[in-house]
Amino acid sequence: MKSPFIVANWKMNKTIGEATEYAGRLKGSVSDLLEVHVILAAPFTALWPLAEVIRGSRIALAAQNIHWEDGGPYTGEISALQARDAGCNYVILGHSERRQHFGEGYEQVNKKIQAALRHDLNPIVCLGESLKERESNQTLEVIEEQMEKGLAGISPERFKTVLIAYEPVWAIGTGRPVTPQQAAEAHGFIRRKVRDLFGPLAGSSVRILYGGSVTRENAAVLMGEPEVDGLLVGGASLRFEEFSQIIDRAAQRSAS
């Protein structure tokens, strides 16, 4: 069984002090969990201070976004090179909130993935359908288009470091997660599509995470699905005790 990835996406939350205090506590609580990969996706302001706190621990750091250029006149943006320099090993790309609030399309997401790979940042690529698309039975068609356009031009060799997060838009922050059966169907389709695009080895090895109203109450059930390789946790990750319990449930699943 592959070791699960548990990612905390703090979004636009936490000051530097709050972030470092949280990370210090988490560093101690996960020191013995060799079977779980824990990643903190923090605001840009907290990345370097967090990198110092978690240095030498089992926690990795992720940026929540990057620009596709390495530098230039892009006020307010951050490059893959800068994210790496701040201590990141991962970056979340294509999140539905970036698509919804900032108009990101397939071409932009693809260029950002390419930029991340150029600088050895592991992309966590988000996919997912809207409620209207789900109710119209278009889920798999939407995922397929997102994968084909978002991952265009990436070689099988480069794809090895890509993680995928299935995040149905209608479940993010709504308290309405998918059923385990819905997650299993989407994850299974994504794995088959990866196999078609990048070969059988990629299909079997790619890590596919679930995100969307993950809580300590549903984490164990979601992680019980064989196709779910981890969780991308939003609101629940802001609360240390709850996120710690989600990590513990993932560890129990991995050990069983």
C-alpha atoms as a PDB file:
ATOM      1  CA  MET A   1       0.000   0.000   0.000  1.00  0.00           C
ATOM      2  CA  LYS A   2       1.297   3.467  -0.928  1.00  0.00           C
ATOM      3  CA  SER A   3       1.915   5.857   1.953  1.00  0.00           C
ATOM      4  CA  PRO A   4      -0.874   8.472   1.946  1.00  0.00           C
ATOM      5  CA  PHE A   5      -0.356  12.193   1.416  1.00  0.00           C
ATOM      6  CA  ILE A   6      -2.219  14.553   3.745  1.00  0.00           C
ATOM      7  CA  VAL A   7      -2.084  18.192   2.593  1.00  0.00           C
ATOM      8  CA  ALA A   8      -3.258  21.200   4.604  1.00  0.00           C
ATOM      9  CA  ASN A   9      -4.404  24.037   2.347  1.00  0.00           C
ATOM     10  CA  TRP A  10      -4.616  27.049   4.631  1.00  0.00           C
ATOM     11  CA  LYS A  11      -5.667  29.377   1.791  1.00  0.00           C
ATOM     12  CA  MET A  12      -5.635  33.066   2.864  1.00  0.00           C
ATOM     13  CA  ASN A  13      -5.412  32.315   6.563  1.00  0.00           C
ATOM     14  CA  LYS A  14      -2.828  32.457   9.377  1.00  0.00           C
ATOM     15  CA  THR A  15      -0.271  35.087  10.262  1.00  0.00           C
ATOM     16  CA  ILE A  16       3.396  34.146  10.463  1.00  0.00           C
ATOM     17  CA  GLY A  17       3.114  33.714  14.219  1.00  0.00           C
ATOM     18  CA  GLU A  18       0.041  31.520  13.965  1.00  0.00           C
ATOM     19  CA  ALA A  19       1.591  29.428  11.196  1.00  0.00           C
ATOM     20  CA  THR A  20       4.883  28.806  12.982  1.00  0.00           C
ATOM     21  CA  GLU A  21       3.208  27.983  16.310  1.00  0.00           C
ATOM     22  CA  TYR A  22       0.969  25.445  14.545  1.00  0.00           C
ATOM     23  CA  ALA A  23       3.902  23.917  12.621  1.00  0.00           C
ATOM     24  CA  GLY A  24       5.963  23.591  15.791  1.00  0.00           C
ATOM     25  CA  ARG A  25       3.207  21.573  17.438  1.00  0.00           C
ATOM     26  CA  LEU A  26       2.662  19.475  14.323  1.00  0.00           C
ATOM     27  CA  LYS A  27       6.373  18.732  13.985  1.00  0.00           C
ATOM     28  CA  GLY A  28       6.323  16.922  17.289  1.00  0.00           C
ATOM     29  CA  SER A  29       3.083  15.052  16.710  1.00  0.00           C
ATOM     30  CA  VAL A  30       4.064  13.509  13.351  1.00  0.00           C
ATOM     31  CA  SER A  31       7.670  12.631  14.154  1.00  0.00           C
ATOM     32  CA  ASP A  32       6.874   8.920  14.466  1.00  0.00           C
ATOM     33  CA  LEU A  33       4.423   8.631  11.563  1.00  0.00           C
ATOM     34  CA  LEU A  34       6.784   7.226   8.969  1.00  0.00           C
ATOM     35  CA  GLU A  35       3.921   5.980   6.800  1.00  0.00           C
ATOM     36  CA  VAL A  36       2.281   9.380   6.110  1.00  0.00           C
ATOM     37  CA  HIS A  37       3.476  12.328   4.006  1.00  0.00           C
ATOM     38  CA  VAL A  38       2.308  15.607   5.593  1.00  0.00           C
ATOM     39  CA  ILE A  39       2.402  18.844   3.580  1.00  0.00           C
ATOM     40  CA  LEU A  40       1.524  22.390   4.663  1.00  0.00           C
ATOM     41  CA  ALA A  41       0.332  24.725   1.887  1.00  0.00           C
ATOM     42  CA  ALA A  42       0.761  28.104   3.533  1.00  0.00           C
ATOM     43  CA  PRO A  43       0.368  31.752   2.468  1.00  0.00           C
ATOM     44  CA  PHE A  44       3.444  33.181   0.737  1.00  0.00           C
ATOM     45  CA  THR A  45       4.286  35.368   3.750  1.00  0.00           C
ATOM     46  CA  ALA A  46       4.726  32.342   5.998  1.00  0.00           C
ATOM     47  CA  LEU A  47       6.703  30.051   3.679  1.00  0.00           C
ATOM     48  CA  TRP A  48      10.255  30.891   4.708  1.00  0.00           C
ATOM     49  CA  PRO A  49       9.524  31.078   8.471  1.00  0.00           C
ATOM     50  CA  LEU A  50       7.731  27.731   8.213  1.00  0.00           C
ATOM     51  CA  ALA A  51      10.644  26.202   6.311  1.00  0.00           C
ATOM     52  CA  GLU A  52      12.883  27.085   9.244  1.00  0.00           C
ATOM     53  CA  VAL A  53      10.483  25.574  11.790  1.00  0.00           C
ATOM     54  CA  ILE A  54       9.971  22.261   9.963  1.00  0.00           C
ATOM     55  CA  ARG A  55      13.577  21.817   8.865  1.00  0.00           C
ATOM     56  CA  GLY A  56      14.687  18.251   9.554  1.00  0.00           C
ATOM     57  CA  SER A  57      11.130  17.045  10.213  1.00  0.00           C
ATOM     58  CA  ARG A  58       8.742  14.826   8.252  1.00  0.00           C
ATOM     59  CA  ILE A  59       6.666  17.826   7.134  1.00  0.00           C
ATOM     60  CA  ALA A  60       7.023  19.284   3.643  1.00  0.00           C
ATOM     61  CA  LEU A  61       6.025  22.735   2.426  1.00  0.00           C
ATOM     62  CA  ALA A  62       3.854  23.778  -0.507  1.00  0.00           C
ATOM     63  CA  ALA A  63       3.055  27.074  -2.196  1.00  0.00           C
ATOM     64  CA  GLN A  64      -0.596  27.665  -3.011  1.00  0.00           C
ATOM     65  CA  ASN A  65       0.133  29.038  -6.477  1.00  0.00           C
ATOM     66  CA  ILE A  66       2.941  30.226  -8.763  1.00  0.00           C
ATOM     67  CA  HIS A  67       3.322  32.239 -11.949  1.00  0.00           C
ATOM     68  CA  TRP A  68       4.481  30.467 -15.094  1.00  0.00           C
ATOM     69  CA  GLU A  69       7.376  32.875 -15.753  1.00  0.00           C
ATOM     70  CA  ASP A  70      10.635  32.716 -13.814  1.00  0.00           C
ATOM     71  CA  GLY A  71      10.658  36.483 -13.284  1.00  0.00           C
ATOM     72  CA  GLY A  72       9.488  39.750 -14.790  1.00  0.00           C
ATOM     73  CA  PRO A  73       6.916  42.559 -14.526  1.00  0.00           C
ATOM     74  CA  TYR A  74       4.177  40.576 -12.768  1.00  0.00           C
ATOM     75  CA  THR A  75       3.318  42.603  -9.694  1.00  0.00           C
ATOM     76  CA  GLY A  76       2.053  40.514  -6.812  1.00  0.00           C
ATOM     77  CA  GLU A  77       3.086  37.170  -8.307  1.00  0.00           C
ATOM     78  CA  ILE A  78       5.659  34.581  -7.209  1.00  0.00           C
ATOM     79  CA  SER A  79       7.676  32.272  -9.450  1.00  0.00           C
ATOM     80  CA  ALA A  80       8.484  28.585  -9.093  1.00  0.00           C
ATOM     81  CA  LEU A  81      12.096  29.579  -8.532  1.00  0.00           C
ATOM     82  CA  GLN A  82      11.097  31.861  -5.645  1.00  0.00           C
ATOM     83  CA  ALA A  83       8.851  29.197  -4.116  1.00  0.00           C
ATOM     84  CA  ARG A  84      11.734  26.727  -4.174  1.00  0.00           C
ATOM     85  CA  ASP A  85      14.025  29.336  -2.670  1.00  0.00           C
ATOM     86  CA  ALA A  86      11.521  29.843   0.168  1.00  0.00           C
ATOM     87  CA  GLY A  87      11.672  26.139   1.029  1.00  0.00           C
ATOM     88  CA  CYS A  88       8.825  24.611  -0.977  1.00  0.00           C
ATOM     89  CA  ASN A  89       8.900  21.148  -2.494  1.00  0.00           C
ATOM     90  CA  TYR A  90       5.278  21.202  -3.683  1.00  0.00           C
ATOM     91  CA  VAL A  91       2.780  23.633  -5.208  1.00  0.00           C
ATOM     92  CA  ILE A  92      -1.012  23.482  -5.566  1.00  0.00           C
ATOM     93  CA  LEU A  93      -2.098  24.328  -9.108  1.00  0.00           C
ATOM     94  CA  GLY A  94      -5.458  24.613 -10.856  1.00  0.00           C
ATOM     95  CA  HIS A  95      -7.499  24.939  -7.662  1.00  0.00           C
ATOM     96  CA  SER A  96     -11.132  25.746  -8.423  1.00  0.00           C
ATOM     97  CA  GLU A  97     -10.916  28.924  -6.358  1.00  0.00           C
ATOM     98  CA  ARG A  98      -8.150  30.161  -8.684  1.00  0.00           C
ATOM     99  CA  ARG A  99     -10.341  29.301 -11.651  1.00  0.00           C
ATOM    100  CA  GLN A 100     -13.426  30.905 -10.109  1.00  0.00           C
ATOM    101  CA  HIS A 101     -12.005  34.097  -8.606  1.00  0.00           C
ATOM    102  CA  PHE A 102      -9.039  34.793 -10.886  1.00  0.00           C
ATOM    103  CA  GLY A 103     -10.171  33.401 -14.218  1.00  0.00           C
ATOM    104  CA  GLU A 104      -7.451  30.787 -14.600  1.00  0.00           C
ATOM    105  CA  GLY A 105      -7.961  28.562 -17.612  1.00  0.00           C
ATOM    106  CA  TYR A 106      -6.418  25.378 -18.925  1.00  0.00           C
ATOM    107  CA  GLU A 107      -3.592  27.168 -20.745  1.00  0.00           C
ATOM    108  CA  GLN A 108      -2.487  29.048 -17.624  1.00  0.00           C
ATOM    109  CA  VAL A 109      -2.640  25.942 -15.465  1.00  0.00           C
ATOM    110  CA  ASN A 110      -0.615  24.001 -18.010  1.00  0.00           C
ATOM    111  CA  LYS A 111       2.078  26.674 -18.155  1.00  0.00           C
ATOM    112  CA  LYS A 112       2.264  26.748 -14.359  1.00  0.00           C
ATOM    113  CA  ILE A 113       2.672  22.973 -14.214  1.00  0.00           C
ATOM    114  CA  GLN A 114       5.479  23.190 -16.760  1.00  0.00           C
ATOM    115  CA  ALA A 115       7.154  25.947 -14.718  1.00  0.00           C
ATOM    116  CA  ALA A 116       6.904  23.930 -11.510  1.00  0.00           C
ATOM    117  CA  LEU A 117       8.487  20.902 -13.157  1.00  0.00           C
ATOM    118  CA  ARG A 118      11.333  23.022 -14.554  1.00  0.00           C
ATOM    119  CA  HIS A 119      12.291  23.961 -11.008  1.00  0.00           C
ATOM    120  CA  ASP A 120      11.718  20.578  -9.351  1.00  0.00           C
ATOM    121  CA  LEU A 121       8.522  21.603  -7.592  1.00  0.00           C
ATOM    122  CA  ASN A 122       6.065  18.727  -7.339  1.00  0.00           C
ATOM    123  CA  PRO A 123       2.695  19.963  -8.664  1.00  0.00           C
ATOM    124  CA  ILE A 124      -0.513  19.009  -6.882  1.00  0.00           C
ATOM    125  CA  VAL A 125      -2.910  19.443  -9.811  1.00  0.00           C
ATOM    126  CA  CYS A 126      -6.571  20.002  -8.906  1.00  0.00           C
ATOM    127  CA  LEU A 127      -9.458  18.655 -10.980  1.00  0.00           C
ATOM    128  CA  GLY A 128     -13.184  18.648 -10.409  1.00  0.00           C
ATOM    129  CA  GLU A 129     -16.668  19.389 -11.649  1.00  0.00           C
ATOM    130  CA  SER A 130     -19.308  21.945 -10.686  1.00  0.00           C
ATOM    131  CA  LEU A 131     -22.673  20.973  -9.198  1.00  0.00           C
ATOM    132  CA  LYS A 132     -24.378  21.645 -12.535  1.00  0.00           C
ATOM    133  CA  GLU A 133     -21.895  19.381 -14.303  1.00  0.00           C
ATOM    134  CA  ARG A 134     -22.346  16.668 -11.673  1.00  0.00           C
ATOM    135  CA  GLU A 135     -26.147  16.825 -11.972  1.00  0.00           C
ATOM    136  CA  SER A 136     -25.869  16.692 -15.776  1.00  0.00           C
ATOM    137  CA  ASN A 137     -23.755  13.510 -15.567  1.00  0.00           C
ATOM    138  CA  GLN A 138     -20.761  15.332 -17.087  1.00  0.00           C
ATOM    139  CA  THR A 139     -18.285  14.640 -14.287  1.00  0.00           C
ATOM    140  CA  LEU A 140     -16.028  12.275 -16.198  1.00  0.00           C
ATOM    141  CA  GLU A 141     -16.132  14.385 -19.362  1.00  0.00           C
ATOM    142  CA  VAL A 142     -15.079  17.470 -17.395  1.00  0.00           C
ATOM    143  CA  ILE A 143     -12.248  15.618 -15.659  1.00  0.00           C
ATOM    144  CA  GLU A 144     -11.038  14.211 -18.963  1.00  0.00           C
ATOM    145  CA  GLU A 145     -10.911  17.658 -20.562  1.00  0.00           C
ATOM    146  CA  GLN A 146      -9.124  19.146 -17.565  1.00  0.00           C
ATOM    147  CA  MET A 147      -6.514  16.399 -17.709  1.00  0.00           C
ATOM    148  CA  GLU A 148      -5.954  16.472 -21.448  1.00  0.00           C
ATOM    149  CA  LYS A 149      -5.565  20.255 -21.591  1.00  0.00           C
ATOM    150  CA  GLY A 150      -3.935  20.855 -18.225  1.00  0.00           C
ATOM    151  CA  LEU A 151      -1.342  18.099 -18.641  1.00  0.00           C
ATOM    152  CA  ALA A 152      -0.647  18.643 -22.348  1.00  0.00           C
ATOM    153  CA  GLY A 153       3.000  18.513 -23.401  1.00  0.00           C
ATOM    154  CA  ILE A 154       4.255  16.821 -20.236  1.00  0.00           C
ATOM    155  CA  SER A 155       6.452  13.792 -20.807  1.00  0.00           C
ATOM    156  CA  PRO A 156       5.935  10.516 -18.909  1.00  0.00           C
ATOM    157  CA  GLU A 157       9.313  11.100 -17.254  1.00  0.00           C
ATOM    158  CA  ARG A 158       8.279  14.552 -16.005  1.00  0.00           C
ATOM    159  CA  PHE A 159       4.853  13.323 -14.917  1.00  0.00           C
ATOM    160  CA  LYS A 160       6.408  11.066 -12.278  1.00  0.00           C
ATOM    161  CA  THR A 161       6.447  13.903  -9.725  1.00  0.00           C
ATOM    162  CA  VAL A 162       2.871  15.099 -10.375  1.00  0.00           C
ATOM    163  CA  LEU A 163       0.136  14.470  -7.799  1.00  0.00           C
ATOM    164  CA  ILE A 164      -3.531  14.874  -8.683  1.00  0.00           C
ATOM    165  CA  ALA A 165      -6.258  16.108  -6.351  1.00  0.00           C
ATOM    166  CA  TYR A 166      -9.878  15.392  -7.207  1.00  0.00           C
ATOM    167  CA  GLU A 167     -11.843  18.301  -5.752  1.00  0.00           C
ATOM    168  CA  PRO A 168     -15.486  18.480  -6.837  1.00  0.00           C
ATOM    169  CA  VAL A 169     -16.254  22.203  -6.798  1.00  0.00           C
ATOM    170  CA  TRP A 170     -19.654  21.678  -5.203  1.00  0.00           C
ATOM    171  CA  ALA A 171     -18.057  19.972  -2.184  1.00  0.00           C
ATOM    172  CA  ILE A 172     -15.388  22.580  -1.359  1.00  0.00           C
ATOM    173  CA  GLY A 173     -16.243  24.437   1.840  1.00  0.00           C
ATOM    174  CA  THR A 174     -19.893  23.390   1.701  1.00  0.00           C
ATOM    175  CA  GLY A 175     -19.846  20.610   4.275  1.00  0.00           C
ATOM    176  CA  ARG A 176     -21.169  18.323   1.554  1.00  0.00           C
ATOM    177  CA  PRO A 177     -18.439  15.838   0.635  1.00  0.00           C
ATOM    178  CA  VAL A 178     -18.824  13.245  -2.073  1.00  0.00           C
ATOM    179  CA  THR A 179     -19.823   9.749  -1.090  1.00  0.00           C
ATOM    180  CA  PRO A 180     -17.021   7.188  -0.978  1.00  0.00           C
ATOM    181  CA  GLN A 181     -18.542   5.606  -4.073  1.00  0.00           C
ATOM    182  CA  GLN A 182     -18.453   8.906  -5.991  1.00  0.00           C
ATOM    183  CA  ALA A 183     -14.839   9.454  -4.956  1.00  0.00           C
ATOM    184  CA  ALA A 184     -13.892   5.923  -5.997  1.00  0.00           C
ATOM    185  CA  GLU A 185     -15.514   6.370  -9.416  1.00  0.00           C
ATOM    186  CA  ALA A 186     -13.734   9.671 -10.105  1.00  0.00           C
ATOM    187  CA  HIS A 187     -10.370   8.463  -8.798  1.00  0.00           C
ATOM    188  CA  GLY A 188     -10.611   5.262 -10.793  1.00  0.00           C
ATOM    189  CA  PHE A 189     -11.343   7.219 -13.956  1.00  0.00           C
ATOM    190  CA  ILE A 190      -8.426   9.587 -13.299  1.00  0.00           C
ATOM    191  CA  ARG A 191      -6.075   6.638 -12.833  1.00  0.00           C
ATOM    192  CA  ARG A 192      -7.213   5.053 -16.098  1.00  0.00           C
ATOM    193  CA  LYS A 193      -6.786   8.370 -17.898  1.00  0.00           C
ATOM    194  CA  VAL A 194      -3.271   8.767 -16.490  1.00  0.00           C
ATOM    195  CA  ARG A 195      -2.508   5.302 -17.799  1.00  0.00           C
ATOM    196  CA  ASP A 196      -3.778   6.328 -21.249  1.00  0.00           C
ATOM    197  CA  LEU A 197      -1.777   9.565 -21.272  1.00  0.00           C
ATOM    198  CA  PHE A 198       1.471   8.510 -19.588  1.00  0.00           C
ATOM    199  CA  GLY A 199       1.603   4.718 -19.582  1.00  0.00           C
ATOM    200  CA  PRO A 200       0.797   1.833 -17.217  1.00  0.00           C
ATOM    201  CA  LEU A 201       3.567   2.567 -14.722  1.00  0.00           C
ATOM    202  CA  ALA A 202       2.305   6.130 -14.243  1.00  0.00           C
ATOM    203  CA  GLY A 203      -1.241   4.858 -13.853  1.00  0.00           C
ATOM    204  CA  SER A 204      -0.296   2.539 -11.021  1.00  0.00           C
ATOM    205  CA  SER A 205       2.096   4.902  -9.223  1.00  0.00           C
ATOM    206  CA  VAL A 206       0.347   8.307  -9.433  1.00  0.00           C
ATOM    207  CA  ARG A 207      -0.984   9.609  -6.107  1.00  0.00           C
ATOM    208  CA  ILE A 208      -4.618  10.760  -6.367  1.00  0.00           C
ATOM    209  CA  LEU A 209      -5.869  12.773  -3.398  1.00  0.00           C
ATOM    210  CA  TYR A 210      -9.429  13.709  -2.497  1.00  0.00           C
ATOM    211  CA  GLY A 211     -10.364  17.228  -1.402  1.00  0.00           C
ATOM    212  CA  GLY A 212     -13.678  18.883  -0.562  1.00  0.00           C
ATOM    213  CA  SER A 213     -15.193  19.236   2.938  1.00  0.00           C
ATOM    214  CA  VAL A 214     -12.790  16.720   4.472  1.00  0.00           C
ATOM    215  CA  THR A 215     -13.239  16.408   8.246  1.00  0.00           C
ATOM    216  CA  ARG A 216     -12.054  14.089  11.001  1.00  0.00           C
ATOM    217  CA  GLU A 217     -15.487  12.455  10.823  1.00  0.00           C
ATOM    218  CA  ASN A 218     -15.263  11.423   7.159  1.00  0.00           C
ATOM    219  CA  ALA A 219     -11.480  11.091   6.735  1.00  0.00           C
ATOM    220  CA  ALA A 220     -11.336   7.413   7.679  1.00  0.00           C
ATOM    221  CA  VAL A 221     -14.217   6.502   5.366  1.00  0.00           C
ATOM    222  CA  LEU A 222     -12.677   8.364   2.436  1.00  0.00           C
ATOM    223  CA  MET A 223      -9.253   6.872   3.109  1.00  0.00           C
ATOM    224  CA  GLY A 224     -10.875   3.449   3.197  1.00  0.00           C
ATOM    225  CA  GLU A 225     -11.372   3.595  -0.562  1.00  0.00           C
ATOM    226  CA  PRO A 226      -8.480   1.823  -2.323  1.00  0.00           C
ATOM    227  CA  GLU A 227      -8.330   4.493  -5.045  1.00  0.00           C
ATOM    228  CA  VAL A 228      -7.913   7.360  -2.551  1.00  0.00           C
ATOM    229  CA  ASP A 229      -4.192   7.944  -1.916  1.00  0.00           C
ATOM    230  CA  GLY A 230      -4.561  10.900   0.419  1.00  0.00           C
ATOM    231  CA  LEU A 231      -6.504  14.032   1.314  1.00  0.00           C
ATOM    232  CA  LEU A 232      -6.298  17.730   0.474  1.00  0.00           C
ATOM    233  CA  VAL A 233      -7.799  19.370   3.539  1.00  0.00           C
ATOM    234  CA  GLY A 234      -9.133  22.934   3.569  1.00  0.00           C
ATOM    235  CA  GLY A 235     -11.075  24.408   6.496  1.00  0.00           C
ATOM    236  CA  ALA A 236     -10.447  21.484   8.833  1.00  0.00           C
ATOM    237  CA  SER A 237      -6.684  21.950   8.455  1.00  0.00           C
ATOM    238  CA  LEU A 238      -6.880  25.353  10.144  1.00  0.00           C
ATOM    239  CA  ARG A 239      -7.663  23.644  13.457  1.00  0.00           C
ATOM    240  CA  PHE A 240      -4.612  21.832  14.787  1.00  0.00           C
ATOM    241  CA  GLU A 241      -6.440  19.167  16.775  1.00  0.00           C
ATOM    242  CA  GLU A 242      -8.744  18.257  13.899  1.00  0.00           C
ATOM    243  CA  PHE A 243      -5.956  18.114  11.336  1.00  0.00           C
ATOM    244  CA  SER A 244      -3.874  15.956  13.673  1.00  0.00           C
ATOM    245  CA  GLN A 245      -6.756  13.514  13.975  1.00  0.00           C
ATOM    246  CA  ILE A 246      -7.113  13.377  10.184  1.00  0.00           C
ATOM    247  CA  ILE A 247      -3.417  12.518   9.918  1.00  0.00           C
ATOM    248  CA  ASP A 248      -3.845   9.815  12.573  1.00  0.00           C
ATOM    249  CA  ARG A 249      -6.742   8.261  10.659  1.00  0.00           C
ATOM    250  CA  ALA A 250      -4.629   8.193   7.498  1.00  0.00           C
ATOM    251  CA  ALA A 251      -1.796   6.554   9.407  1.00  0.00           C
ATOM    252  CA  GLN A 252      -4.141   3.890  10.770  1.00  0.00           C
ATOM    253  CA  ARG A 253      -5.374   3.139   7.251  1.00  0.00           C
ATOM    254  CA  SER A 254      -1.828   2.840   5.982  1.00  0.00           C
ATOM    255  CA  ALA A 255      -0.824   0.522   8.806  1.00  0.00           C
ATOM    256  CA  SER A 256      -3.863  -1.770   8.473  1.00  0.00           C
END
